[in-house]
Amino acid sequence: MGTVFKTRHRLMDRTVALKVMNPWLLTDPTAVGRFEREVKAAAQLAHPHIVTAYDAEQIGGLHFLAMEYVEVISRSAAGTWTAARKPDGIPRRLRDQATAPPVPFGTGTSR
């Protein structure tokens, strides 16, 4: 449903995991609704074994969720995993929006 990137949240000055909804799913209302429900659910969760959701937004048609980044300790502890992409792998539209002046939170949704 999405791709996760390891990147830096400039305003919060912290490393985050940024989940971006796959662009080819944006035309599917069911997929968008599912992503938005996932964002709302993540915002309600608070537990030491669940990553914290920090920010969610829709910018330029892209839906994303910024959440706590957790360094994987070992493969056996994490199971099968894929390393988060470096910031240079973030789609250009999102990277351009991320460097634009800040806008008020709550003008869009995402996970």
N, C-alpha and C. Protein backbone atom coordinates (compact mmCIF):
# COMPACT_ATOMS: atom_id res chain seq x y z
N MET A 1 0.81 -1.19 0.00
CA MET A 1 0.00 0.00 0.00
C MET A 1 0.86 1.26 0.00
N GLY A 2 2.08 1.17 0.53
CA GLY A 2 2.93 2.34 0.58
C GLY A 2 4.40 1.96 0.65
N THR A 3 5.24 2.96 0.51
CA THR A 3 6.68 2.80 0.62
C THR A 3 7.15 3.60 1.82
N VAL A 4 8.06 3.02 2.60
CA VAL A 4 8.56 3.69 3.80
C VAL A 4 9.98 4.17 3.56
N PHE A 5 10.21 5.42 3.93
CA PHE A 5 11.52 6.05 3.79
C PHE A 5 12.05 6.45 5.15
N LYS A 6 13.35 6.34 5.34
CA LYS A 6 13.99 6.89 6.53
C LYS A 6 14.44 8.29 6.13
N THR A 7 13.97 9.28 6.88
CA THR A 7 14.29 10.66 6.53
C THR A 7 14.29 11.53 7.78
N ARG A 8 14.56 12.79 7.61
CA ARG A 8 14.63 13.73 8.73
C ARG A 8 13.44 14.68 8.65
N HIS A 9 12.69 14.80 9.74
CA HIS A 9 11.59 15.76 9.82
C HIS A 9 12.25 17.08 10.20
N ARG A 10 12.25 18.02 9.29
CA ARG A 10 13.00 19.26 9.51
C ARG A 10 12.45 20.10 10.65
N LEU A 11 11.15 20.22 10.75
CA LEU A 11 10.57 21.05 11.80
C LEU A 11 10.76 20.42 13.18
N MET A 12 10.60 19.10 13.27
CA MET A 12 10.77 18.40 14.55
C MET A 12 12.23 18.10 14.85
N ASP A 13 13.10 18.21 13.84
CA ASP A 13 14.53 17.92 13.97
C ASP A 13 14.76 16.53 14.55
N ARG A 14 14.13 15.53 13.90
CA ARG A 14 14.31 14.14 14.32
C ARG A 14 14.18 13.22 13.12
N THR A 15 14.79 12.06 13.23
CA THR A 15 14.68 11.04 12.20
C THR A 15 13.30 10.39 12.32
N VAL A 16 12.64 10.21 11.17
CA VAL A 16 11.31 9.60 11.15
C VAL A 16 11.24 8.55 10.05
N ALA A 17 10.27 7.68 10.17
CA ALA A 17 9.91 6.77 9.09
C ALA A 17 8.75 7.45 8.37
N LEU A 18 8.88 7.68 7.07
CA LEU A 18 7.87 8.37 6.29
C LEU A 18 7.21 7.37 5.35
N LYS A 19 5.95 7.05 5.61
CA LYS A 19 5.21 6.13 4.75
C LYS A 19 4.45 6.96 3.72
N VAL A 20 4.70 6.69 2.45
CA VAL A 20 4.05 7.40 1.35
C VAL A 20 3.18 6.40 0.61
N MET A 21 1.91 6.75 0.41
CA MET A 21 1.00 5.87 -0.31
C MET A 21 1.46 5.73 -1.75
N ASN A 22 1.42 4.50 -2.27
CA ASN A 22 1.84 4.26 -3.65
C ASN A 22 0.98 5.07 -4.61
N PRO A 23 1.60 5.82 -5.53
CA PRO A 23 0.87 6.72 -6.43
C PRO A 23 -0.19 6.00 -7.28
N TRP A 24 0.06 4.78 -7.69
CA TRP A 24 -0.90 4.08 -8.54
C TRP A 24 -2.18 3.70 -7.80
N LEU A 25 -2.19 3.83 -6.48
CA LEU A 25 -3.39 3.53 -5.69
C LEU A 25 -4.25 4.76 -5.44
N LEU A 26 -3.74 5.95 -5.78
CA LEU A 26 -4.45 7.18 -5.48
C LEU A 26 -5.78 7.31 -6.22
N THR A 27 -5.94 6.60 -7.32
CA THR A 27 -7.19 6.66 -8.08
C THR A 27 -8.21 5.63 -7.58
N ASP A 28 -7.81 4.82 -6.62
CA ASP A 28 -8.70 3.79 -6.06
C ASP A 28 -9.28 4.30 -4.74
N PRO A 29 -10.57 4.70 -4.74
CA PRO A 29 -11.17 5.25 -3.52
C PRO A 29 -11.12 4.28 -2.34
N THR A 30 -11.19 2.98 -2.61
CA THR A 30 -11.12 2.00 -1.53
C THR A 30 -9.75 2.03 -0.88
N ALA A 31 -8.70 2.09 -1.69
CA ALA A 31 -7.33 2.12 -1.16
C ALA A 31 -7.07 3.41 -0.39
N VAL A 32 -7.54 4.54 -0.92
CA VAL A 32 -7.36 5.83 -0.23
C VAL A 32 -8.09 5.81 1.11
N GLY A 33 -9.32 5.29 1.11
CA GLY A 33 -10.09 5.20 2.35
C GLY A 33 -9.41 4.31 3.38
N ARG A 34 -8.84 3.22 2.91
CA ARG A 34 -8.12 2.31 3.80
C ARG A 34 -6.90 2.99 4.41
N PHE A 35 -6.16 3.73 3.57
CA PHE A 35 -4.99 4.45 4.05
C PHE A 35 -5.40 5.48 5.10
N GLU A 36 -6.48 6.20 4.85
CA GLU A 36 -6.96 7.22 5.80
C GLU A 36 -7.43 6.58 7.11
N ARG A 37 -8.07 5.43 7.04
CA ARG A 37 -8.48 4.73 8.27
C ARG A 37 -7.26 4.26 9.05
N GLU A 38 -6.23 3.84 8.32
CA GLU A 38 -4.98 3.43 8.97
C GLU A 38 -4.34 4.60 9.71
N VAL A 39 -4.39 5.79 9.11
CA VAL A 39 -3.85 7.00 9.75
C VAL A 39 -4.62 7.29 11.04
N LYS A 40 -5.93 7.24 10.96
CA LYS A 40 -6.75 7.53 12.13
C LYS A 40 -6.50 6.51 13.24
N ALA A 41 -6.36 5.25 12.87
CA ALA A 41 -6.09 4.21 13.87
C ALA A 41 -4.72 4.44 14.50
N ALA A 42 -3.71 4.76 13.69
CA ALA A 42 -2.36 4.99 14.20
C ALA A 42 -2.34 6.16 15.17
N ALA A 43 -3.15 7.17 14.90
CA ALA A 43 -3.20 8.35 15.76
C ALA A 43 -3.79 8.04 17.14
N GLN A 44 -4.59 6.99 17.23
CA GLN A 44 -5.24 6.63 18.48
C GLN A 44 -4.39 5.70 19.36
N LEU A 45 -3.34 5.12 18.78
CA LEU A 45 -2.55 4.13 19.50
C LEU A 45 -1.45 4.76 20.34
N ALA A 46 -1.29 4.24 21.54
CA ALA A 46 -0.20 4.66 22.42
C ALA A 46 0.21 3.44 23.23
N HIS A 47 1.34 2.85 22.85
CA HIS A 47 1.83 1.64 23.52
C HIS A 47 3.33 1.55 23.29
N PRO A 48 4.10 1.07 24.27
CA PRO A 48 5.55 1.01 24.13
C PRO A 48 6.02 0.11 22.98
N HIS A 49 5.20 -0.81 22.51
CA HIS A 49 5.60 -1.72 21.44
C HIS A 49 5.02 -1.34 20.08
N ILE A 50 4.45 -0.15 19.98
CA ILE A 50 3.89 0.34 18.73
C ILE A 50 4.53 1.69 18.42
N VAL A 51 4.96 1.89 17.17
CA VAL A 51 5.57 3.18 16.82
C VAL A 51 4.54 4.29 16.93
N THR A 52 5.01 5.47 17.27
CA THR A 52 4.15 6.63 17.44
C THR A 52 3.97 7.36 16.11
N ALA A 53 2.72 7.71 15.80
CA ALA A 53 2.45 8.53 14.61
C ALA A 53 2.67 9.99 14.99
N TYR A 54 3.51 10.70 14.19
CA TYR A 54 3.83 12.09 14.50
C TYR A 54 3.03 13.08 13.66
N ASP A 55 2.83 12.76 12.40
CA ASP A 55 2.26 13.73 11.47
C ASP A 55 1.66 12.98 10.29
N ALA A 56 0.58 13.49 9.72
CA ALA A 56 -0.02 12.91 8.53
C ALA A 56 -0.54 14.05 7.68
N GLU A 57 -0.45 13.89 6.37
CA GLU A 57 -0.84 14.99 5.49
C GLU A 57 -1.07 14.48 4.08
N GLN A 58 -1.71 15.32 3.29
CA GLN A 58 -1.85 15.10 1.85
C GLN A 58 -1.31 16.35 1.20
N ILE A 59 -0.26 16.20 0.41
CA ILE A 59 0.36 17.34 -0.26
C ILE A 59 0.52 17.00 -1.74
N GLY A 60 -0.01 17.84 -2.58
CA GLY A 60 0.12 17.63 -4.02
C GLY A 60 -0.39 16.28 -4.47
N GLY A 61 -1.42 15.78 -3.83
CA GLY A 61 -1.99 14.49 -4.22
C GLY A 61 -1.33 13.30 -3.57
N LEU A 62 -0.21 13.50 -2.88
CA LEU A 62 0.47 12.40 -2.20
C LEU A 62 0.01 12.32 -0.75
N HIS A 63 -0.30 11.12 -0.32
CA HIS A 63 -0.70 10.88 1.07
C HIS A 63 0.50 10.31 1.81
N PHE A 64 0.78 10.82 3.01
CA PHE A 64 1.91 10.28 3.75
C PHE A 64 1.67 10.35 5.25
N LEU A 65 2.44 9.55 5.97
CA LEU A 65 2.41 9.51 7.43
C LEU A 65 3.85 9.52 7.93
N ALA A 66 4.16 10.47 8.82
CA ALA A 66 5.46 10.51 9.49
C ALA A 66 5.29 9.84 10.84
N MET A 67 6.14 8.85 11.11
CA MET A 67 6.03 8.13 12.37
C MET A 67 7.41 7.87 12.96
N GLU A 68 7.40 7.43 14.19
CA GLU A 68 8.63 7.12 14.90
C GLU A 68 9.47 6.14 14.09
N TYR A 69 10.77 6.44 13.99
CA TYR A 69 11.70 5.54 13.32
C TYR A 69 12.35 4.66 14.38
N VAL A 70 12.32 3.36 14.16
CA VAL A 70 12.92 2.41 15.10
C VAL A 70 14.03 1.67 14.36
N GLU A 71 15.22 1.76 14.90
CA GLU A 71 16.37 1.04 14.32
C GLU A 71 16.18 -0.45 14.59
N VAL A 72 16.32 -1.26 13.55
CA VAL A 72 16.18 -2.71 13.71
C VAL A 72 17.44 -3.26 14.37
N ILE A 73 17.25 -4.03 15.43
CA ILE A 73 18.37 -4.56 16.19
C ILE A 73 18.99 -5.78 15.52
N SER A 74 18.17 -6.72 15.13
CA SER A 74 18.69 -7.91 14.46
C SER A 74 17.60 -8.50 13.58
N ARG A 75 18.00 -9.29 12.59
CA ARG A 75 17.04 -9.93 11.72
C ARG A 75 16.18 -10.91 12.50
N SER A 76 16.75 -11.62 13.44
CA SER A 76 15.97 -12.60 14.19
C SER A 76 14.92 -11.90 15.05
N ALA A 77 15.25 -10.71 15.56
CA ALA A 77 14.29 -9.98 16.38
C ALA A 77 13.20 -9.34 15.53
N ALA A 78 13.54 -8.99 14.30
CA ALA A 78 12.59 -8.26 13.46
C ALA A 78 11.91 -9.16 12.44
N GLY A 79 12.37 -10.37 12.24
CA GLY A 79 11.81 -11.21 11.17
C GLY A 79 12.34 -10.71 9.84
N THR A 80 11.61 -10.95 8.79
CA THR A 80 12.01 -10.48 7.47
C THR A 80 11.69 -9.00 7.36
N TRP A 81 12.65 -8.19 6.94
CA TRP A 81 12.45 -6.76 6.85
C TRP A 81 13.19 -6.19 5.66
N THR A 82 12.78 -5.01 5.27
CA THR A 82 13.43 -4.27 4.19
C THR A 82 13.87 -2.93 4.76
N ALA A 83 15.11 -2.58 4.54
CA ALA A 83 15.62 -1.31 5.07
C ALA A 83 14.88 -0.14 4.43
N ALA A 84 14.64 0.88 5.22
CA ALA A 84 13.99 2.08 4.71
C ALA A 84 14.90 2.74 3.68
N ARG A 85 14.31 3.37 2.69
CA ARG A 85 15.10 4.03 1.65
C ARG A 85 15.72 5.32 2.18
N LYS A 86 16.81 5.68 1.57
CA LYS A 86 17.45 6.95 1.92
C LYS A 86 16.61 8.10 1.38
N PRO A 87 16.77 9.32 1.93
CA PRO A 87 15.97 10.46 1.48
C PRO A 87 16.05 10.71 -0.02
N ASP A 88 17.15 10.37 -0.70
CA ASP A 88 17.24 10.62 -2.13
C ASP A 88 16.29 9.73 -2.93
N GLY A 89 15.68 8.73 -2.29
CA GLY A 89 14.71 7.89 -2.96
C GLY A 89 13.29 8.41 -2.84
N ILE A 90 13.10 9.50 -2.11
CA ILE A 90 11.76 10.08 -1.94
C ILE A 90 11.34 10.71 -3.27
N PRO A 91 10.09 10.48 -3.68
CA PRO A 91 9.63 11.09 -4.93
C PRO A 91 9.88 12.59 -4.95
N ARG A 92 10.30 13.11 -6.10
CA ARG A 92 10.67 14.52 -6.23
C ARG A 92 9.54 15.46 -5.79
N ARG A 93 8.29 15.14 -6.15
CA ARG A 93 7.17 16.02 -5.77
C ARG A 93 7.09 16.16 -4.26
N LEU A 94 7.26 15.06 -3.54
CA LEU A 94 7.17 15.12 -2.09
C LEU A 94 8.38 15.84 -1.51
N ARG A 95 9.57 15.58 -2.07
CA ARG A 95 10.78 16.24 -1.59
C ARG A 95 10.66 17.75 -1.80
N ASP A 96 10.12 18.19 -2.96
CA ASP A 96 9.94 19.61 -3.21
C ASP A 96 8.95 20.22 -2.23
N GLN A 97 7.87 19.49 -1.93
CA GLN A 97 6.89 19.99 -0.98
C GLN A 97 7.48 20.07 0.43
N ALA A 98 8.33 19.10 0.77
CA ALA A 98 8.93 19.07 2.10
C ALA A 98 9.86 20.25 2.33
N THR A 99 10.44 20.80 1.27
CA THR A 99 11.35 21.93 1.41
C THR A 99 10.63 23.27 1.23
N ALA A 100 9.32 23.21 0.92
CA ALA A 100 8.53 24.44 0.77
C ALA A 100 8.22 25.00 2.15
N PRO A 101 7.77 26.26 2.21
CA PRO A 101 7.40 26.85 3.51
C PRO A 101 6.29 26.01 4.16
N PRO A 102 6.28 25.94 5.49
CA PRO A 102 5.28 25.12 6.17
C PRO A 102 3.86 25.64 5.94
N VAL A 103 2.90 24.70 5.95
CA VAL A 103 1.49 25.05 5.86
C VAL A 103 0.81 24.53 7.12
N PRO A 104 -0.32 25.09 7.50
CA PRO A 104 -1.02 24.64 8.71
C PRO A 104 -1.37 23.17 8.64
N PHE A 105 -1.16 22.45 9.74
CA PHE A 105 -1.50 21.04 9.79
C PHE A 105 -3.02 20.91 9.78
N GLY A 106 -3.50 19.81 9.18
CA GLY A 106 -4.92 19.53 9.19
C GLY A 106 -5.60 19.90 7.87
N THR A 107 -4.82 20.29 6.87
CA THR A 107 -5.42 20.64 5.58
C THR A 107 -5.53 19.42 4.67
N GLY A 108 -5.12 18.25 5.16
CA GLY A 108 -5.21 17.02 4.37
C GLY A 108 -5.02 15.83 5.27
N THR A 109 -5.06 14.62 4.71
CA THR A 109 -4.92 13.43 5.52
C THR A 109 -3.96 12.45 4.86
N SER A 110 -3.50 11.48 5.64
CA SER A 110 -2.60 10.47 5.10
C SER A 110 -2.21 9.46 6.14
N ARG A 111 -1.48 8.42 5.71
CA ARG A 111 -0.84 7.47 6.60
C ARG A 111 0.46 7.03 6.01
